[in-house]
Amino acid sequence: MAATSPSSREEFVYMAKLAEQAERYDEMVELMEKVSSSSESEELSVEERNLLSVAYKNVIGARRASWRIVSSIEQKEESRGNEDHVTLIRDYRAKIESELSSICGGILKLLDSRLIPSAAAKDSKVFYLKMKGDYHRTLPTPSWLQLTRSDSDWLSISLFSTMRFSILLIALAISQNRHLMKQSLSWIL
């Protein structure tokens, strides 16, 4: 008997929950992307947007953990002077970085093209803007990659500042007062 693929929004959501239970997060991402594109004008429900968030968080989290492990091994091999291994490790790390960029790019595109524009409720818009900030922060850039390898203290400070700025932007997104927004941003910039 051939397996049937889901065809309706409800089936995609059910299959995404099943994929979550089975810890198959790449499939969960695909299913939730189908949910988000199943109705261009309809906003995701709270459950659907949480499933989307969990899917991407776990897919990115696994790659980030892999990147940290491989980077640590790379540093050890560099200190040992084992250039043959270092070359192989750098190629492997580049593959992981490419995956991170692709995944972050995918969710950022989905957020900008579909989710943020269709968000009618303020809590939805804030949720998506926070996601956008999180994935911009996660997006590997050459300076980020160098920084994470060389100065973890600076990265912690930068992460704290980014989180504080994200919280401020969320509060401002809820606020309708432009004067407050200008005043709040003036002390940051």
N, C-alpha and C. Protein backbone atom coordinates (compact mmCIF):
# COMPACT_ATOMS: atom_id res chain seq x y z
N MET A 1 0.84 -1.18 0.00
CA MET A 1 0.00 0.00 0.00
C MET A 1 0.89 1.24 0.00
N ALA A 2 0.64 2.15 -0.90
CA ALA A 2 1.43 3.37 -1.03
C ALA A 2 1.03 4.38 0.04
N ALA A 3 2.02 5.10 0.52
CA ALA A 3 1.74 6.14 1.52
C ALA A 3 1.10 7.33 0.84
N THR A 4 0.12 7.91 1.51
CA THR A 4 -0.52 9.09 0.95
C THR A 4 0.13 10.33 1.54
N SER A 5 0.19 11.36 0.75
CA SER A 5 0.76 12.61 1.26
C SER A 5 -0.37 13.54 1.68
N PRO A 6 -0.10 14.38 2.66
CA PRO A 6 -1.16 15.28 3.14
C PRO A 6 -1.59 16.24 2.04
N SER A 7 -2.86 16.59 2.06
CA SER A 7 -3.37 17.47 1.00
C SER A 7 -4.05 18.72 1.54
N SER A 8 -4.46 18.72 2.78
CA SER A 8 -5.14 19.89 3.32
C SER A 8 -4.30 20.54 4.42
N ARG A 9 -4.66 21.73 4.73
CA ARG A 9 -3.96 22.49 5.77
C ARG A 9 -3.95 21.71 7.09
N GLU A 10 -5.10 21.14 7.46
CA GLU A 10 -5.21 20.38 8.71
C GLU A 10 -4.28 19.16 8.69
N GLU A 11 -4.18 18.52 7.54
CA GLU A 11 -3.30 17.35 7.44
C GLU A 11 -1.83 17.76 7.54
N PHE A 12 -1.48 18.90 6.92
CA PHE A 12 -0.11 19.40 7.03
C PHE A 12 0.24 19.69 8.49
N VAL A 13 -0.69 20.30 9.22
CA VAL A 13 -0.46 20.62 10.64
C VAL A 13 -0.31 19.33 11.43
N TYR A 14 -1.18 18.36 11.18
CA TYR A 14 -1.09 17.09 11.89
C TYR A 14 0.25 16.40 11.61
N MET A 15 0.64 16.40 10.34
CA MET A 15 1.91 15.76 9.98
C MET A 15 3.10 16.51 10.59
N ALA A 16 2.99 17.83 10.71
CA ALA A 16 4.05 18.62 11.34
C ALA A 16 4.18 18.24 12.82
N LYS A 17 3.05 18.04 13.48
CA LYS A 17 3.08 17.60 14.88
C LYS A 17 3.70 16.22 14.99
N LEU A 18 3.37 15.36 14.06
CA LEU A 18 3.94 14.01 14.03
C LEU A 18 5.45 14.08 13.80
N ALA A 19 5.87 14.92 12.86
CA ALA A 19 7.30 15.10 12.59
C ALA A 19 8.02 15.63 13.82
N GLU A 20 7.36 16.53 14.56
CA GLU A 20 7.96 17.06 15.79
C GLU A 20 8.18 15.94 16.80
N GLN A 21 7.18 15.10 16.99
CA GLN A 21 7.30 13.99 17.93
C GLN A 21 8.41 13.03 17.53
N ALA A 22 8.58 12.85 16.21
CA ALA A 22 9.62 11.95 15.70
C ALA A 22 10.98 12.65 15.59
N GLU A 23 11.03 13.92 15.99
CA GLU A 23 12.24 14.74 15.91
C GLU A 23 12.80 14.81 14.49
N ARG A 24 11.90 14.93 13.53
CA ARG A 24 12.27 15.08 12.12
C ARG A 24 11.95 16.53 11.72
N TYR A 25 12.82 17.41 12.17
CA TYR A 25 12.54 18.84 12.09
C TYR A 25 12.66 19.39 10.67
N ASP A 26 13.52 18.81 9.83
CA ASP A 26 13.59 19.26 8.45
C ASP A 26 12.26 19.04 7.74
N GLU A 27 11.64 17.90 7.99
CA GLU A 27 10.32 17.62 7.42
C GLU A 27 9.26 18.54 8.03
N MET A 28 9.41 18.82 9.30
CA MET A 28 8.47 19.72 9.97
C MET A 28 8.52 21.11 9.33
N VAL A 29 9.71 21.58 9.00
CA VAL A 29 9.86 22.87 8.32
C VAL A 29 9.12 22.85 6.99
N GLU A 30 9.35 21.80 6.20
CA GLU A 30 8.69 21.69 4.89
C GLU A 30 7.18 21.71 5.03
N LEU A 31 6.67 20.97 6.00
CA LEU A 31 5.22 20.91 6.20
C LEU A 31 4.66 22.26 6.63
N MET A 32 5.35 22.94 7.53
CA MET A 32 4.85 24.24 7.99
C MET A 32 4.98 25.31 6.91
N GLU A 33 5.96 25.18 6.03
CA GLU A 33 6.03 26.09 4.88
C GLU A 33 4.82 25.88 3.97
N LYS A 34 4.41 24.63 3.82
CA LYS A 34 3.21 24.33 3.02
C LYS A 34 1.97 24.92 3.68
N VAL A 35 1.90 24.83 5.00
CA VAL A 35 0.77 25.43 5.72
C VAL A 35 0.74 26.93 5.47
N SER A 36 1.89 27.58 5.58
CA SER A 36 1.93 29.04 5.43
C SER A 36 1.62 29.48 4.01
N SER A 37 1.88 28.63 3.04
CA SER A 37 1.57 29.01 1.65
C SER A 37 0.23 28.46 1.17
N SER A 38 -0.46 27.70 2.03
CA SER A 38 -1.73 27.10 1.61
C SER A 38 -2.83 28.13 1.41
N SER A 39 -2.74 29.23 2.11
CA SER A 39 -3.72 30.30 1.95
C SER A 39 -2.99 31.63 2.07
N GLU A 40 -2.80 32.28 0.94
CA GLU A 40 -2.01 33.51 0.91
C GLU A 40 -2.54 34.62 1.81
N SER A 41 -3.85 34.70 1.95
CA SER A 41 -4.41 35.82 2.72
C SER A 41 -4.70 35.47 4.17
N GLU A 42 -4.76 34.19 4.49
CA GLU A 42 -5.11 33.78 5.84
C GLU A 42 -3.89 33.77 6.75
N GLU A 43 -4.06 34.36 7.91
CA GLU A 43 -2.99 34.41 8.91
C GLU A 43 -2.85 33.04 9.57
N LEU A 44 -1.62 32.70 9.97
CA LEU A 44 -1.41 31.45 10.70
C LEU A 44 -2.06 31.55 12.08
N SER A 45 -2.59 30.43 12.55
CA SER A 45 -3.13 30.40 13.91
C SER A 45 -1.96 30.41 14.89
N VAL A 46 -2.25 30.62 16.15
CA VAL A 46 -1.20 30.61 17.18
C VAL A 46 -0.50 29.26 17.18
N GLU A 47 -1.26 28.18 17.09
CA GLU A 47 -0.67 26.84 17.06
C GLU A 47 0.24 26.67 15.84
N GLU A 48 -0.21 27.12 14.69
CA GLU A 48 0.58 26.97 13.46
C GLU A 48 1.86 27.79 13.52
N ARG A 49 1.76 29.01 14.01
CA ARG A 49 2.98 29.82 14.06
C ARG A 49 3.96 29.27 15.09
N ASN A 50 3.45 28.69 16.19
CA ASN A 50 4.34 28.06 17.16
C ASN A 50 5.02 26.83 16.57
N LEU A 51 4.28 26.05 15.79
CA LEU A 51 4.88 24.88 15.13
C LEU A 51 5.97 25.33 14.15
N LEU A 52 5.71 26.38 13.40
CA LEU A 52 6.71 26.92 12.47
C LEU A 52 7.96 27.35 13.23
N SER A 53 7.77 28.05 14.32
CA SER A 53 8.89 28.52 15.13
C SER A 53 9.70 27.36 15.70
N VAL A 54 9.02 26.36 16.23
CA VAL A 54 9.71 25.18 16.79
C VAL A 54 10.50 24.46 15.71
N ALA A 55 9.90 24.33 14.54
CA ALA A 55 10.57 23.63 13.44
C ALA A 55 11.88 24.33 13.08
N TYR A 56 11.81 25.62 12.84
CA TYR A 56 13.02 26.35 12.46
C TYR A 56 14.02 26.42 13.60
N LYS A 57 13.55 26.59 14.82
CA LYS A 57 14.46 26.65 15.97
C LYS A 57 15.28 25.37 16.07
N ASN A 58 14.64 24.23 15.88
CA ASN A 58 15.35 22.96 16.00
C ASN A 58 16.26 22.68 14.82
N VAL A 59 15.85 23.06 13.62
CA VAL A 59 16.69 22.87 12.44
C VAL A 59 17.94 23.73 12.56
N ILE A 60 17.76 24.98 12.95
CA ILE A 60 18.90 25.89 13.12
C ILE A 60 19.75 25.46 14.31
N GLY A 61 19.11 25.08 15.40
CA GLY A 61 19.84 24.68 16.60
C GLY A 61 20.78 23.52 16.35
N ALA A 62 20.33 22.55 15.57
CA ALA A 62 21.18 21.39 15.26
C ALA A 62 22.40 21.83 14.44
N ARG A 63 22.18 22.72 13.46
CA ARG A 63 23.30 23.20 12.64
C ARG A 63 24.26 24.05 13.46
N ARG A 64 23.73 24.87 14.35
CA ARG A 64 24.61 25.71 15.18
C ARG A 64 25.45 24.84 16.11
N ALA A 65 24.84 23.81 16.67
CA ALA A 65 25.60 22.89 17.54
C ALA A 65 26.70 22.20 16.73
N SER A 66 26.35 21.77 15.52
CA SER A 66 27.35 21.14 14.65
C SER A 66 28.49 22.11 14.35
N TRP A 67 28.13 23.35 14.05
CA TRP A 67 29.14 24.35 13.73
C TRP A 67 30.09 24.57 14.92
N ARG A 68 29.53 24.66 16.12
CA ARG A 68 30.38 24.87 17.31
C ARG A 68 31.32 23.69 17.52
N ILE A 69 30.82 22.48 17.36
CA ILE A 69 31.65 21.29 17.54
C ILE A 69 32.77 21.25 16.51
N VAL A 70 32.41 21.46 15.26
CA VAL A 70 33.40 21.41 14.18
C VAL A 70 34.43 22.53 14.34
N SER A 71 33.99 23.72 14.74
CA SER A 71 34.93 24.83 14.96
C SER A 71 35.89 24.52 16.10
N SER A 72 35.40 23.88 17.14
CA SER A 72 36.26 23.50 18.25
C SER A 72 37.31 22.48 17.80
N ILE A 73 36.87 21.51 17.02
CA ILE A 73 37.81 20.51 16.50
C ILE A 73 38.84 21.18 15.58
N GLU A 74 38.37 22.14 14.79
CA GLU A 74 39.28 22.87 13.89
C GLU A 74 40.37 23.58 14.69
N GLN A 75 39.99 24.23 15.78
CA GLN A 75 40.98 24.93 16.61
C GLN A 75 41.99 23.95 17.20
N LYS A 76 41.51 22.79 17.65
CA LYS A 76 42.42 21.79 18.22
C LYS A 76 43.41 21.29 17.17
N GLU A 77 42.90 21.02 15.97
CA GLU A 77 43.78 20.53 14.90
C GLU A 77 44.77 21.60 14.46
N GLU A 78 44.33 22.87 14.45
CA GLU A 78 45.25 23.96 14.11
C GLU A 78 46.38 24.04 15.14
N SER A 79 46.03 23.91 16.42
CA SER A 79 47.06 24.00 17.46
C SER A 79 48.04 22.83 17.39
N ARG A 80 47.59 21.71 16.85
CA ARG A 80 48.47 20.54 16.68
C ARG A 80 49.29 20.64 15.40
N GLY A 81 48.93 21.59 14.53
CA GLY A 81 49.65 21.75 13.28
C GLY A 81 49.28 20.72 12.22
N ASN A 82 48.12 20.12 12.35
CA ASN A 82 47.68 19.09 11.41
C ASN A 82 46.90 19.73 10.25
N GLU A 83 47.63 20.29 9.28
CA GLU A 83 47.02 21.06 8.19
C GLU A 83 46.13 20.23 7.28
N ASP A 84 46.44 18.94 7.10
CA ASP A 84 45.59 18.09 6.26
C ASP A 84 44.18 17.99 6.85
N HIS A 85 44.12 17.77 8.15
CA HIS A 85 42.82 17.70 8.81
C HIS A 85 42.13 19.06 8.84
N VAL A 86 42.90 20.10 9.05
CA VAL A 86 42.33 21.45 9.11
C VAL A 86 41.64 21.79 7.79
N THR A 87 42.24 21.43 6.68
CA THR A 87 41.64 21.69 5.36
C THR A 87 40.31 20.96 5.23
N LEU A 88 40.28 19.70 5.62
CA LEU A 88 39.03 18.92 5.56
C LEU A 88 37.96 19.52 6.48
N ILE A 89 38.39 19.89 7.66
CA ILE A 89 37.45 20.45 8.64
C ILE A 89 36.89 21.78 8.13
N ARG A 90 37.74 22.62 7.55
CA ARG A 90 37.25 23.92 7.03
C ARG A 90 36.20 23.72 5.94
N ASP A 91 36.43 22.74 5.07
CA ASP A 91 35.44 22.45 4.03
C ASP A 91 34.12 22.00 4.65
N TYR A 92 34.22 21.17 5.66
CA TYR A 92 33.01 20.67 6.33
C TYR A 92 32.29 21.80 7.06
N ARG A 93 33.05 22.66 7.72
CA ARG A 93 32.47 23.81 8.40
C ARG A 93 31.79 24.74 7.40
N ALA A 94 32.40 24.92 6.24
CA ALA A 94 31.80 25.76 5.19
C ALA A 94 30.47 25.18 4.72
N LYS A 95 30.39 23.87 4.67
CA LYS A 95 29.13 23.21 4.29
C LYS A 95 28.04 23.52 5.32
N ILE A 96 28.39 23.43 6.59
CA ILE A 96 27.43 23.73 7.67
C ILE A 96 27.02 25.20 7.61
N GLU A 97 27.97 26.09 7.38
CA GLU A 97 27.67 27.52 7.27
C GLU A 97 26.73 27.79 6.10
N SER A 98 26.94 27.08 5.00
CA SER A 98 26.07 27.23 3.83
C SER A 98 24.64 26.78 4.16
N GLU A 99 24.53 25.68 4.89
CA GLU A 99 23.21 25.20 5.32
C GLU A 99 22.54 26.23 6.23
N LEU A 100 23.30 26.77 7.17
CA LEU A 100 22.76 27.80 8.07
C LEU A 100 22.26 29.01 7.28
N SER A 101 23.06 29.45 6.32
CA SER A 101 22.67 30.60 5.50
C SER A 101 21.40 30.31 4.71
N SER A 102 21.33 29.12 4.15
CA SER A 102 20.17 28.74 3.35
C SER A 102 18.90 28.68 4.20
N ILE A 103 19.00 28.06 5.36
CA ILE A 103 17.84 27.93 6.24
C ILE A 103 17.40 29.30 6.75
N CYS A 104 18.35 30.11 7.21
CA CYS A 104 18.01 31.46 7.69
C CYS A 104 17.42 32.28 6.56
N GLY A 105 18.00 32.18 5.38
CA GLY A 105 17.47 32.90 4.22
C GLY A 105 16.05 32.48 3.90
N GLY A 106 15.76 31.18 4.05
CA GLY A 106 14.42 30.67 3.78
C GLY A 106 13.38 31.24 4.72
N ILE A 107 13.67 31.25 6.01
CA ILE A 107 12.67 31.76 6.96
C ILE A 107 12.57 33.28 6.84
N LEU A 108 13.67 33.96 6.59
CA LEU A 108 13.60 35.42 6.43
C LEU A 108 12.77 35.80 5.21
N LYS A 109 12.92 35.04 4.13
CA LYS A 109 12.12 35.29 2.93
C LYS A 109 10.64 35.05 3.22
N LEU A 110 10.34 33.94 3.90
CA LEU A 110 8.96 33.62 4.25
C LEU A 110 8.36 34.70 5.16
N LEU A 111 9.14 35.15 6.12
CA LEU A 111 8.66 36.21 7.03
C LEU A 111 8.37 37.50 6.26
N ASP A 112 9.30 37.91 5.40
CA ASP A 112 9.14 39.17 4.67
C ASP A 112 8.06 39.12 3.60
N SER A 113 7.97 38.00 2.90
CA SER A 113 7.05 37.94 1.77
C SER A 113 5.64 37.53 2.16
N ARG A 114 5.49 36.79 3.24
CA ARG A 114 4.18 36.23 3.54
C ARG A 114 3.69 36.51 4.96
N LEU A 115 4.49 36.15 5.94
CA LEU A 115 3.99 36.13 7.32
C LEU A 115 3.82 37.53 7.91
N ILE A 116 4.82 38.38 7.80
CA ILE A 116 4.70 39.73 8.37
C ILE A 116 3.62 40.54 7.65
N PRO A 117 3.59 40.53 6.30
CA PRO A 117 2.53 41.30 5.63
C PRO A 117 1.11 40.82 5.94
N SER A 118 0.94 39.52 6.20
CA SER A 118 -0.42 39.01 6.45
C SER A 118 -0.80 39.05 7.93
N ALA A 119 0.13 39.45 8.80
CA ALA A 119 -0.15 39.48 10.24
C ALA A 119 -1.06 40.66 10.55
N ALA A 120 -2.28 40.35 10.96
CA ALA A 120 -3.24 41.40 11.31
C ALA A 120 -3.17 41.73 12.80
N ALA A 121 -3.03 40.71 13.62
CA ALA A 121 -2.98 40.91 15.07
C ALA A 121 -1.60 41.41 15.48
N LYS A 122 -1.57 42.30 16.46
CA LYS A 122 -0.30 42.86 16.93
C LYS A 122 0.61 41.78 17.50
N ASP A 123 0.03 40.82 18.23
CA ASP A 123 0.89 39.78 18.80
C ASP A 123 1.52 38.93 17.71
N SER A 124 0.82 38.73 16.61
CA SER A 124 1.40 37.99 15.48
C SER A 124 2.54 38.77 14.86
N LYS A 125 2.32 40.05 14.64
CA LYS A 125 3.36 40.89 14.04
C LYS A 125 4.60 40.92 14.93
N VAL A 126 4.41 41.07 16.23
CA VAL A 126 5.54 41.08 17.17
C VAL A 126 6.26 39.74 17.13
N PHE A 127 5.51 38.65 17.12
CA PHE A 127 6.08 37.31 17.07
C PHE A 127 6.97 37.16 15.84
N TYR A 128 6.46 37.58 14.68
CA TYR A 128 7.21 37.45 13.43
C TYR A 128 8.41 38.40 13.38
N LEU A 129 8.26 39.60 13.91
CA LEU A 129 9.39 40.53 13.94
C LEU A 129 10.50 40.01 14.86
N LYS A 130 10.11 39.39 15.96
CA LYS A 130 11.11 38.79 16.85
C LYS A 130 11.83 37.65 16.13
N MET A 131 11.04 36.81 15.43
CA MET A 131 11.66 35.73 14.65
C MET A 131 12.65 36.31 13.64
N LYS A 132 12.23 37.37 12.97
CA LYS A 132 13.10 37.99 11.96
C LYS A 132 14.41 38.45 12.60
N GLY A 133 14.32 39.10 13.75
CA GLY A 133 15.52 39.53 14.46
C GLY A 133 16.40 38.36 14.86
N ASP A 134 15.76 37.30 15.36
CA ASP A 134 16.51 36.11 15.77
C ASP A 134 17.28 35.50 14.61
N TYR A 135 16.63 35.39 13.45
CA TYR A 135 17.28 34.73 12.32
C TYR A 135 18.27 35.64 11.61
N HIS A 136 18.10 36.95 11.71
CA HIS A 136 19.15 37.85 11.22
C HIS A 136 20.38 37.71 12.11
N ARG A 137 20.16 37.56 13.40
CA ARG A 137 21.27 37.38 14.34
C ARG A 137 21.99 36.06 14.09
N THR A 138 21.23 35.03 13.72
CA THR A 138 21.78 33.70 13.50
C THR A 138 22.46 33.57 12.15
N LEU A 139 22.07 34.40 11.20
CA LEU A 139 22.61 34.32 9.84
C LEU A 139 24.13 34.46 9.87
N PRO A 140 24.84 33.43 9.41
CA PRO A 140 26.29 33.51 9.47
C PRO A 140 26.85 34.51 8.45
N THR A 141 27.66 35.42 8.94
CA THR A 141 28.36 36.37 8.09
C THR A 141 29.85 36.20 8.36
N PRO A 142 30.70 36.61 7.45
CA PRO A 142 32.15 36.44 7.71
C PRO A 142 32.60 37.05 9.02
N SER A 143 32.09 38.24 9.36
CA SER A 143 32.52 38.87 10.62
C SER A 143 31.99 38.10 11.82
N TRP A 144 30.76 37.58 11.74
CA TRP A 144 30.20 36.78 12.82
C TRP A 144 31.01 35.51 13.02
N LEU A 145 31.37 34.87 11.91
CA LEU A 145 32.11 33.61 12.00
C LEU A 145 33.48 33.84 12.63
N GLN A 146 34.15 34.92 12.24
CA GLN A 146 35.45 35.24 12.82
C GLN A 146 35.31 35.60 14.29
N LEU A 147 34.31 36.38 14.61
CA LEU A 147 34.08 36.81 15.98
C LEU A 147 33.80 35.62 16.89
N THR A 148 32.96 34.69 16.44
CA THR A 148 32.62 33.57 17.30
C THR A 148 33.81 32.68 17.56
N ARG A 149 34.74 32.63 16.63
CA ARG A 149 35.93 31.82 16.84
C ARG A 149 36.94 32.52 17.73
N SER A 150 36.99 33.86 17.68
CA SER A 150 38.09 34.54 18.33
C SER A 150 37.76 35.23 19.64
N ASP A 151 36.53 35.60 19.86
CA ASP A 151 36.24 36.42 21.04
C ASP A 151 34.85 36.13 21.59
N SER A 152 34.73 35.09 22.37
CA SER A 152 33.42 34.70 22.88
C SER A 152 32.87 35.72 23.89
N ASP A 153 33.73 36.44 24.61
CA ASP A 153 33.24 37.47 25.54
C ASP A 153 32.54 38.59 24.78
N TRP A 154 33.15 39.05 23.70
CA TRP A 154 32.54 40.10 22.89
C TRP A 154 31.22 39.61 22.32
N LEU A 155 31.17 38.36 21.90
CA LEU A 155 29.94 37.80 21.34
C LEU A 155 28.82 37.81 22.38
N SER A 156 29.13 37.50 23.63
CA SER A 156 28.12 37.51 24.68
C SER A 156 27.56 38.91 24.88
N ILE A 157 28.43 39.90 24.88
CA ILE A 157 27.99 41.29 25.03
C ILE A 157 27.14 41.69 23.83
N SER A 158 27.58 41.32 22.65
CA SER A 158 26.85 41.65 21.43
C SER A 158 25.48 40.99 21.42
N LEU A 159 25.42 39.74 21.85
CA LEU A 159 24.16 39.02 21.91
C LEU A 159 23.21 39.69 22.89
N PHE A 160 23.73 40.09 24.05
CA PHE A 160 22.90 40.78 25.04
C PHE A 160 22.35 42.08 24.46
N SER A 161 23.19 42.84 23.79
CA SER A 161 22.75 44.10 23.18
C SER A 161 21.70 43.85 22.12
N THR A 162 21.90 42.83 21.31
CA THR A 162 20.93 42.49 20.27
C THR A 162 19.60 42.10 20.87
N MET A 163 19.63 41.33 21.93
CA MET A 163 18.39 40.91 22.57
C MET A 163 17.68 42.12 23.18
N ARG A 164 18.43 43.01 23.81
CA ARG A 164 17.84 44.21 24.39
C ARG A 164 17.21 45.08 23.31
N PHE A 165 17.90 45.21 22.18
CA PHE A 165 17.38 45.99 21.07
C PHE A 165 16.12 45.33 20.51
N SER A 166 16.11 43.99 20.41
CA SER A 166 14.92 43.28 19.92
C SER A 166 13.72 43.52 20.82
N ILE A 167 13.95 43.48 22.12
CA ILE A 167 12.86 43.72 23.07
C ILE A 167 12.33 45.14 22.90
N LEU A 168 13.22 46.08 22.72
CA LEU A 168 12.79 47.46 22.51
C LEU A 168 11.96 47.58 21.24
N LEU A 169 12.42 46.94 20.16
CA LEU A 169 11.68 47.01 18.90
C LEU A 169 10.30 46.37 19.03
N ILE A 170 10.21 45.29 19.77
CA ILE A 170 8.92 44.65 19.99
C ILE A 170 7.99 45.61 20.73
N ALA A 171 8.50 46.23 21.78
CA ALA A 171 7.68 47.18 22.53
C ALA A 171 7.24 48.34 21.64
N LEU A 172 8.14 48.79 20.79
CA LEU A 172 7.81 49.90 19.90
C LEU A 172 6.81 49.49 18.83
N ALA A 173 6.91 48.24 18.39
CA ALA A 173 5.96 47.76 17.38
C ALA A 173 4.54 47.76 17.93
N ILE A 174 4.41 47.50 19.21
CA ILE A 174 3.10 47.49 19.85
C ILE A 174 2.61 48.93 20.05
N SER A 175 3.54 49.80 20.35
CA SER A 175 3.18 51.20 20.63
C SER A 175 2.81 51.93 19.35
N GLN A 176 1.83 52.78 19.45
CA GLN A 176 1.42 53.60 18.31
C GLN A 176 2.04 54.99 18.39
N ASN A 177 2.80 55.28 19.43
CA ASN A 177 3.33 56.60 19.68
C ASN A 177 4.67 56.80 18.98
N ARG A 178 4.69 57.53 17.87
CA ARG A 178 5.91 57.76 17.11
C ARG A 178 6.93 58.60 17.90
N HIS A 179 6.45 59.53 18.70
CA HIS A 179 7.35 60.36 19.50
C HIS A 179 8.15 59.47 20.45
N LEU A 180 7.49 58.53 21.09
CA LEU A 180 8.17 57.60 21.99
C LEU A 180 9.20 56.78 21.22
N MET A 181 8.85 56.37 20.01
CA MET A 181 9.76 55.57 19.20
C MET A 181 11.03 56.37 18.91
N LYS A 182 10.88 57.62 18.46
CA LYS A 182 12.04 58.46 18.15
C LYS A 182 12.89 58.69 19.40
N GLN A 183 12.24 58.97 20.51
CA GLN A 183 12.96 59.22 21.76
C GLN A 183 13.71 57.97 22.21
N SER A 184 13.09 56.81 22.10
CA SER A 184 13.72 55.57 22.53
C SER A 184 14.89 55.20 21.64
N LEU A 185 14.75 55.41 20.35
CA LEU A 185 15.83 55.06 19.43
C LEU A 185 17.00 56.02 19.52
N SER A 186 16.76 57.26 19.95
CA SER A 186 17.83 58.25 19.99
C SER A 186 18.93 57.84 20.98
N TRP A 187 18.60 57.21 22.07
CA TRP A 187 19.63 56.82 23.03
C TRP A 187 20.39 55.57 22.60
N ILE A 188 19.83 54.81 21.67
CA ILE A 188 20.52 53.61 21.18
C ILE A 188 21.48 53.97 20.07
N LEU A 189 21.02 54.80 19.16
CA LEU A 189 21.80 55.14 17.97
C LEU A 189 22.68 56.31 18.27
